Amino acid sequence: MNRKFSALISLILSSASFFLLLSCKNMKAKADDEKEITLVMAEVNPAETIAGQMDYAFKAKVEELSKGKIKIDLHCSGILGDVDSVMELMLKPNSTIQIHRMSAVNMAMYGCKKSALLSVPFTFSSKEHFWRFANSESGQKILNEPVEAGLGLKGLFYGEEGFRHFFSTKKIESVADFKGLKVRGTNDEAMQGLLKGLKANSIPVNYADLYSALQTGVIDAAEQPIANYLANHFHSVAPYMIFDGHTLGIMETIITTECWDSLTKNQQNILLEAGKYASDFCRKLSQTEEEKVKQQLLKEGATLTDVTDHEPWQKACADVIKKGTSAEPDLYREIINYAKYK
């Protein structure tokens, strides 16, 4: 009986090993059978910015995990057009651009009410607060919103460029200095409400024209994360920056659902895994980059002003904060609560 039993066990184990080996071979064969594809990715910022470096980290990881079967054709510095031009293409069938790194504020402008919460002034108390949110179920709700809204887009992963600050052609030291100032304002309600509260004049200017608008006096001021301020040489024409930190420069990388649905499950998982890698890369980069940028700006003659009391700024934003959170009050409370967690 013992010999028969041993023989039976050996047969079972041999059969299990055979089927496991066969399964692995089938999975490998399936992956090997996948066709090579190229996905075009648009970026408005230069390659050396935090956004650009995050994009390249994503590209490298996708190509590594797919063993070159998925190639990311990345174009930086707005080569494929400004945000509106890229979005116009991506919202149509058969888009020639499949992936785009967007600001959360831009997603809000395309009807994503949940994304709009990320642009409400003074929402995030720190970068750590943001990353706790980004890696939570609440964060996933916002990435899923474009699909639920029927935009034909899907959020892949988050990034952040640091807190956004105002910079100008003339020195700004307080809220009072904004009165009557011509400030580049995007069309989203958060920015329009903020500028109204500051009593500034909102002037629409495309991002690609921002440098020349400052240089020619079309506008007096604008706002960007500090790394973009340096990388785009805005300090050459607007050498004054005040660290008000009104919002965090939150990024969402999106893909067209038409493209996403055409991918195999394995290819989708590769993009998601590469997105997690790129997010983590961005988080670490952003932590170390800002101090280097500050020192470089000071070396190149920029004037940097700290804000020690944010209360006057928050009072100026009171109306827009109330209005901006009214559509999704429960989700906004969830976001705020991540400040408490460790």
Protein backbone atom coordinates (compact mmCIF):
# COMPACT_ATOMS: atom_id res chain seq x y z
CA MET A 1 0.00 0.00 0.00
CA ASN A 2 2.81 2.41 0.88
CA ARG A 3 4.48 1.79 -2.46
CA LYS A 4 1.19 2.29 -4.31
CA PHE A 5 0.44 5.41 -2.31
CA SER A 6 3.92 6.83 -3.01
CA ALA A 7 3.53 6.08 -6.68
CA LEU A 8 0.16 7.83 -6.70
CA ILE A 9 1.61 10.91 -4.98
CA SER A 10 4.49 10.98 -7.46
CA LEU A 11 2.05 10.79 -10.34
CA ILE A 12 -0.06 13.65 -8.91
CA LEU A 13 2.99 15.84 -8.32
CA SER A 14 4.34 15.09 -11.78
CA SER A 15 0.99 15.96 -13.33
CA ALA A 16 0.75 19.18 -11.29
CA SER A 17 4.27 20.17 -12.32
CA PHE A 18 3.45 19.46 -15.94
CA PHE A 19 0.31 21.58 -15.93
CA LEU A 20 2.06 24.41 -14.03
CA LEU A 21 4.89 24.37 -16.56
CA LEU A 22 2.36 24.30 -19.39
CA SER A 23 0.48 27.25 -17.84
CA CYS A 24 3.66 29.31 -17.50
CA LYS A 25 4.60 28.50 -21.09
CA ASN A 26 1.14 29.55 -22.26
CA MET A 27 1.39 32.86 -20.34
CA LYS A 28 4.84 33.52 -21.76
CA ALA A 29 3.65 32.58 -25.23
CA LYS A 30 0.69 34.93 -24.83
CA ALA A 31 2.98 37.80 -23.81
CA ASP A 32 5.43 36.97 -26.60
CA ASP A 33 2.58 36.89 -29.11
CA GLU A 34 1.50 40.44 -28.28
CA LYS A 35 2.19 42.83 -31.09
CA GLU A 36 4.57 45.74 -30.69
CA ILE A 37 2.68 48.98 -30.17
CA THR A 38 3.66 52.64 -29.93
CA LEU A 39 1.69 55.06 -27.76
CA VAL A 40 2.15 58.78 -28.36
CA MET A 41 2.42 60.89 -25.18
CA ALA A 42 2.17 64.70 -25.00
CA GLU A 43 3.83 66.98 -22.44
CA VAL A 44 3.65 70.80 -22.47
CA ASN A 45 6.63 71.29 -20.16
CA PRO A 46 10.32 70.83 -21.00
CA ALA A 47 11.94 67.45 -20.40
CA GLU A 48 14.04 68.73 -17.48
CA THR A 49 11.02 69.77 -15.38
CA ILE A 50 9.56 67.52 -12.69
CA ALA A 51 6.69 66.70 -15.05
CA GLY A 52 9.06 65.88 -17.91
CA GLN A 53 11.28 63.69 -15.73
CA MET A 54 8.23 61.84 -14.40
CA ASP A 55 7.11 61.21 -17.99
CA TYR A 56 10.51 59.79 -18.90
CA ALA A 57 10.44 57.54 -15.80
CA PHE A 58 7.04 56.24 -16.94
CA LYS A 59 8.29 55.71 -20.50
CA ALA A 60 11.39 53.82 -19.35
CA LYS A 61 9.45 51.55 -16.98
CA VAL A 62 6.76 50.74 -19.57
CA GLU A 63 9.41 49.78 -22.11
CA GLU A 64 11.34 47.76 -19.50
CA LEU A 65 8.31 45.83 -18.22
CA SER A 66 7.05 45.13 -21.74
CA LYS A 67 10.54 44.18 -22.96
CA GLY A 68 10.22 46.78 -25.68
CA LYS A 69 6.83 45.57 -26.90
CA ILE A 70 5.18 48.84 -25.77
CA LYS A 71 7.01 51.98 -26.81
CA ILE A 72 6.11 55.42 -25.48
CA ASP A 73 6.72 58.11 -28.10
CA LEU A 74 7.08 61.07 -25.70
CA HIS A 75 7.05 64.67 -26.95
CA CYS A 76 7.86 67.45 -24.46
CA SER A 77 7.85 71.28 -24.58
CA GLY A 78 4.42 71.49 -26.20
CA ILE A 79 5.66 70.09 -29.52
CA LEU A 80 2.29 68.40 -30.09
CA GLY A 81 0.36 71.52 -29.09
CA ASP A 82 -0.90 73.25 -25.98
CA VAL A 83 -3.25 71.58 -23.50
CA ASP A 84 -6.43 72.59 -25.34
CA SER A 85 -5.11 71.38 -28.71
CA VAL A 86 -4.06 68.03 -27.28
CA MET A 87 -7.36 67.58 -25.45
CA GLU A 88 -9.33 68.44 -28.57
CA LEU A 89 -7.61 65.53 -30.31
CA MET A 90 -7.92 63.11 -27.41
CA LEU A 91 -11.64 63.71 -27.02
CA LYS A 92 -12.24 62.59 -30.60
CA PRO A 93 -12.20 59.02 -31.99
CA ASN A 94 -8.95 57.72 -33.50
CA SER A 95 -6.79 60.25 -31.70
CA THR A 96 -3.15 60.40 -32.80
CA ILE A 97 -2.23 61.14 -29.16
CA GLN A 98 -3.04 58.42 -26.65
CA ILE A 99 -1.49 59.65 -23.38
CA HIS A 100 -1.22 63.12 -21.87
CA ARG A 101 0.14 64.51 -18.62
CA MET A 102 -2.46 66.99 -17.41
CA SER A 103 -2.78 69.38 -14.51
CA ALA A 104 -5.72 68.61 -12.24
CA VAL A 105 -6.93 72.14 -12.87
CA ASN A 106 -7.22 71.35 -16.59
CA MET A 107 -9.25 68.22 -15.86
CA ALA A 108 -11.65 70.41 -13.89
CA MET A 109 -12.07 72.65 -16.93
CA TYR A 110 -13.35 69.64 -18.88
CA GLY A 111 -16.16 68.98 -16.45
CA CYS A 112 -14.45 66.76 -13.86
CA LYS A 113 -16.05 68.07 -10.66
CA LYS A 114 -14.07 65.75 -8.42
CA SER A 115 -10.77 66.87 -9.98
CA ALA A 116 -11.85 70.45 -9.32
CA LEU A 117 -11.48 69.79 -5.58
CA LEU A 118 -7.72 69.38 -6.05
CA SER A 119 -7.47 72.99 -7.24
CA VAL A 120 -9.36 74.55 -4.34
CA PRO A 121 -6.90 76.94 -2.66
CA PHE A 122 -5.15 75.76 0.51
CA THR A 123 -6.64 72.25 0.34
CA PHE A 124 -3.38 70.42 1.01
CA SER A 125 -1.35 71.32 4.09
CA SER A 126 1.76 69.53 2.87
CA LYS A 127 3.05 67.23 0.16
CA GLU A 128 2.77 64.32 2.57
CA HIS A 129 -0.93 65.12 2.94
CA PHE A 130 -1.34 64.95 -0.83
CA TRP A 131 0.48 61.63 -1.27
CA ARG A 132 -1.58 59.99 1.47
CA PHE A 133 -4.66 61.05 -0.48
CA ALA A 134 -3.19 60.05 -3.88
CA ASN A 135 -2.56 56.48 -2.70
CA SER A 136 -6.04 56.09 -1.20
CA GLU A 137 -9.47 55.00 -2.41
CA SER A 138 -10.44 58.68 -2.49
CA GLY A 139 -7.61 59.31 -4.94
CA GLN A 140 -8.79 56.48 -7.16
CA LYS A 141 -12.30 57.98 -7.26
CA ILE A 142 -10.87 61.07 -8.97
CA LEU A 143 -8.75 59.06 -11.44
CA ASN A 144 -11.89 57.12 -12.40
CA GLU A 145 -14.00 60.25 -12.88
CA PRO A 146 -13.25 60.92 -16.61
CA VAL A 147 -14.51 57.44 -17.49
CA GLU A 148 -17.65 57.87 -15.40
CA ALA A 149 -18.24 61.29 -16.96
CA GLY A 150 -18.12 59.77 -20.45
CA LEU A 151 -15.15 61.84 -21.61
CA GLY A 152 -13.45 58.90 -23.27
CA LEU A 153 -10.45 59.28 -20.95
CA LYS A 154 -9.04 57.29 -18.04
CA GLY A 155 -6.75 58.47 -15.26
CA LEU A 156 -3.61 56.35 -14.88
CA PHE A 157 -1.59 57.93 -12.07
CA TYR A 158 -0.80 61.09 -10.10
CA GLY A 159 2.20 63.36 -9.79
CA GLU A 160 2.92 66.74 -8.26
CA GLU A 161 5.19 69.61 -9.23
CA GLY A 162 5.28 71.29 -5.84
CA PHE A 163 3.15 74.11 -4.52
CA ARG A 164 2.18 76.83 -6.98
CA HIS A 165 3.26 80.40 -6.31
CA PHE A 166 2.73 83.78 -7.96
CA PHE A 167 5.61 85.47 -9.81
CA SER A 168 5.67 88.94 -11.29
CA THR A 169 7.48 91.71 -13.11
CA LYS A 170 7.16 93.92 -10.02
CA LYS A 171 7.69 92.93 -6.40
CA ILE A 172 4.71 91.49 -4.53
CA GLU A 173 4.89 91.28 -0.74
CA SER A 174 1.27 90.98 0.37
CA VAL A 175 -2.33 90.41 -0.70
CA ALA A 176 -2.77 94.18 -1.02
CA ASP A 177 -0.17 94.31 -3.83
CA PHE A 178 -2.47 92.31 -6.13
CA LYS A 179 -5.10 95.03 -6.43
CA GLY A 180 -5.40 96.02 -10.11
CA LEU A 181 -2.56 93.70 -11.17
CA LYS A 182 -2.89 92.00 -14.57
CA VAL A 183 -2.51 88.30 -13.79
CA ARG A 184 -2.62 85.37 -16.18
CA GLY A 185 -5.73 83.45 -15.15
CA THR A 186 -6.86 80.07 -16.41
CA ASN A 187 -10.58 79.62 -17.02
CA ASP A 188 -11.24 77.33 -14.06
CA GLU A 189 -13.46 78.63 -11.28
CA ALA A 190 -10.81 78.17 -8.57
CA MET A 191 -8.30 80.49 -10.24
CA GLN A 192 -10.93 82.99 -11.30
CA GLY A 193 -12.31 83.07 -7.75
CA LEU A 194 -8.85 83.44 -6.25
CA LEU A 195 -7.94 86.37 -8.49
CA LYS A 196 -11.29 88.02 -7.79
CA GLY A 197 -10.66 87.67 -4.06
CA LEU A 198 -7.20 89.22 -4.51
CA LYS A 199 -8.82 92.07 -6.52
CA ALA A 200 -6.53 91.33 -9.48
CA ASN A 201 -7.50 91.47 -13.16
CA SER A 202 -7.60 88.05 -14.80
CA ILE A 203 -6.06 88.00 -18.29
CA PRO A 204 -6.33 84.83 -20.46
CA VAL A 205 -2.97 83.81 -21.93
CA ASN A 206 -1.99 80.46 -23.49
CA TYR A 207 0.82 78.73 -21.66
CA ALA A 208 2.96 78.78 -24.81
CA ASP A 209 2.64 82.60 -24.92
CA LEU A 210 3.27 83.19 -21.23
CA TYR A 211 6.91 84.27 -21.52
CA SER A 212 6.23 86.85 -24.24
CA ALA A 213 3.12 88.13 -22.42
CA LEU A 214 5.24 88.89 -19.35
CA GLN A 215 8.02 90.33 -21.48
CA THR A 216 5.72 92.72 -23.38
CA GLY A 217 3.60 93.80 -20.41
CA VAL A 218 0.40 92.08 -21.53
CA ILE A 219 0.37 90.70 -17.99
CA ASP A 220 2.17 91.62 -14.79
CA ALA A 221 2.10 88.25 -13.07
CA ALA A 222 1.32 84.55 -13.35
CA GLU A 223 1.66 81.44 -11.20
CA GLN A 224 3.52 78.15 -11.51
CA PRO A 225 5.41 75.64 -9.37
CA ILE A 226 8.94 76.85 -8.70
CA ALA A 227 10.59 74.18 -10.88
CA ASN A 228 8.56 75.27 -13.94
CA TYR A 229 9.36 78.91 -13.14
CA LEU A 230 13.06 78.14 -13.51
CA ALA A 231 12.87 75.61 -16.36
CA ASN A 232 10.86 77.97 -18.58
CA HIS A 233 13.12 80.94 -17.71
CA PHE A 234 10.15 83.00 -16.53
CA HIS A 235 12.46 84.58 -13.92
CA SER A 236 14.29 86.32 -16.78
CA VAL A 237 11.25 88.52 -17.45
CA ALA A 238 9.41 88.28 -14.10
CA PRO A 239 12.14 88.05 -11.42
CA TYR A 240 9.89 88.26 -8.33
CA MET A 241 8.25 85.21 -6.75
CA ILE A 242 6.21 85.11 -3.55
CA PHE A 243 5.82 81.72 -1.84
CA ASP A 244 2.10 81.88 -1.12
CA GLY A 245 1.54 78.19 -2.00
CA HIS A 246 -2.12 78.74 -2.93
CA THR A 247 -2.47 75.30 -4.53
CA LEU A 248 -0.37 72.22 -5.07
CA GLY A 249 0.64 71.54 -8.66
CA ILE A 250 -1.17 68.22 -8.95
CA MET A 251 -0.80 66.22 -12.15
CA GLU A 252 -2.95 63.44 -13.61
CA THR A 253 -1.66 61.31 -16.46
CA ILE A 254 -4.54 60.20 -18.68
CA ILE A 255 -5.07 57.77 -21.54
CA THR A 256 -7.89 57.59 -24.06
CA THR A 257 -10.37 54.83 -23.23
CA GLU A 258 -10.32 53.87 -26.91
CA CYS A 259 -6.63 53.05 -26.55
CA TRP A 260 -7.04 51.50 -23.10
CA ASP A 261 -9.82 49.17 -24.25
CA SER A 262 -7.70 48.03 -27.20
CA LEU A 263 -4.91 46.80 -24.89
CA THR A 264 -4.62 43.31 -23.50
CA LYS A 265 -4.97 42.83 -19.74
CA ASN A 266 -1.21 42.27 -19.56
CA GLN A 267 -0.52 45.56 -21.38
CA GLN A 268 -2.95 47.42 -19.11
CA ASN A 269 -1.22 46.02 -16.03
CA ILE A 270 2.15 47.14 -17.39
CA LEU A 271 0.89 50.73 -17.76
CA LEU A 272 -0.57 50.70 -14.25
CA GLU A 273 2.61 49.26 -12.73
CA ALA A 274 4.74 51.80 -14.60
CA GLY A 275 2.38 54.53 -13.36
CA LYS A 276 2.98 53.51 -9.74
CA TYR A 277 6.71 53.61 -10.38
CA ALA A 278 6.49 57.06 -12.02
CA SER A 279 4.37 58.43 -9.14
CA ASP A 280 6.91 57.26 -6.58
CA PHE A 281 9.74 58.66 -8.70
CA CYS A 282 7.93 62.01 -8.84
CA ARG A 283 7.30 62.08 -5.10
CA LYS A 284 11.00 61.56 -4.32
CA LEU A 285 12.15 63.99 -7.01
CA SER A 286 9.81 66.75 -5.86
CA GLN A 287 11.09 66.45 -2.30
CA THR A 288 14.70 67.10 -3.30
CA GLU A 289 14.28 69.37 -6.31
CA GLU A 290 12.79 72.52 -4.78
CA GLU A 291 15.75 73.50 -2.60
CA LYS A 292 18.11 73.10 -5.57
CA VAL A 293 15.82 75.26 -7.69
CA LYS A 294 15.63 77.97 -5.01
CA GLN A 295 19.40 78.18 -4.82
CA GLN A 296 19.71 78.35 -8.61
CA LEU A 297 17.08 81.12 -8.84
CA LEU A 298 18.87 83.17 -6.19
CA LYS A 299 22.14 82.65 -8.05
CA GLU A 300 20.50 83.94 -11.25
CA GLY A 301 19.15 87.07 -9.56
CA ALA A 302 15.53 86.22 -8.75
CA THR A 303 13.92 87.77 -5.66
CA LEU A 304 12.10 85.19 -3.51
CA THR A 305 9.68 86.30 -0.79
CA ASP A 306 8.33 84.01 1.95
CA VAL A 307 4.78 84.22 3.31
CA THR A 308 4.75 83.90 7.10
CA ASP A 309 1.02 84.48 7.62
CA HIS A 310 -1.43 82.74 5.29
CA GLU A 311 -4.56 84.00 7.05
CA PRO A 312 -5.04 87.07 4.78
CA TRP A 313 -4.69 84.81 1.74
CA GLN A 314 -7.19 82.31 3.09
CA LYS A 315 -9.66 85.10 3.83
CA ALA A 316 -9.30 86.33 0.25
CA CYS A 317 -10.13 82.80 -0.92
CA ALA A 318 -13.05 82.17 1.44
CA ASP A 319 -15.78 82.52 -1.19
CA VAL A 320 -14.08 80.36 -3.81
CA ILE A 321 -13.28 77.65 -1.24
CA LYS A 322 -16.94 77.50 -0.22
CA LYS A 323 -18.17 77.49 -3.81
CA GLY A 324 -15.50 75.08 -5.05
CA THR A 325 -16.33 72.39 -2.51
CA SER A 326 -20.13 72.64 -2.56
CA ALA A 327 -20.64 70.06 -5.35
CA GLU A 328 -18.66 67.30 -3.60
CA PRO A 329 -18.62 68.15 0.13
CA ASP A 330 -18.24 64.56 1.34
CA LEU A 331 -15.29 63.79 -0.92
CA TYR A 332 -13.67 67.10 0.03
CA ARG A 333 -13.94 66.16 3.70
CA GLU A 334 -12.27 62.85 2.88
CA ILE A 335 -9.40 64.72 1.21
CA ILE A 336 -8.98 67.12 4.12
CA ASN A 337 -9.01 64.25 6.60
CA TYR A 338 -5.91 62.70 5.05
CA ALA A 339 -3.97 65.53 6.68
CA LYS A 340 -4.60 63.84 10.02
CA TYR A 341 -3.29 60.41 9.07
CA LYS A 342 0.31 59.29 9.39
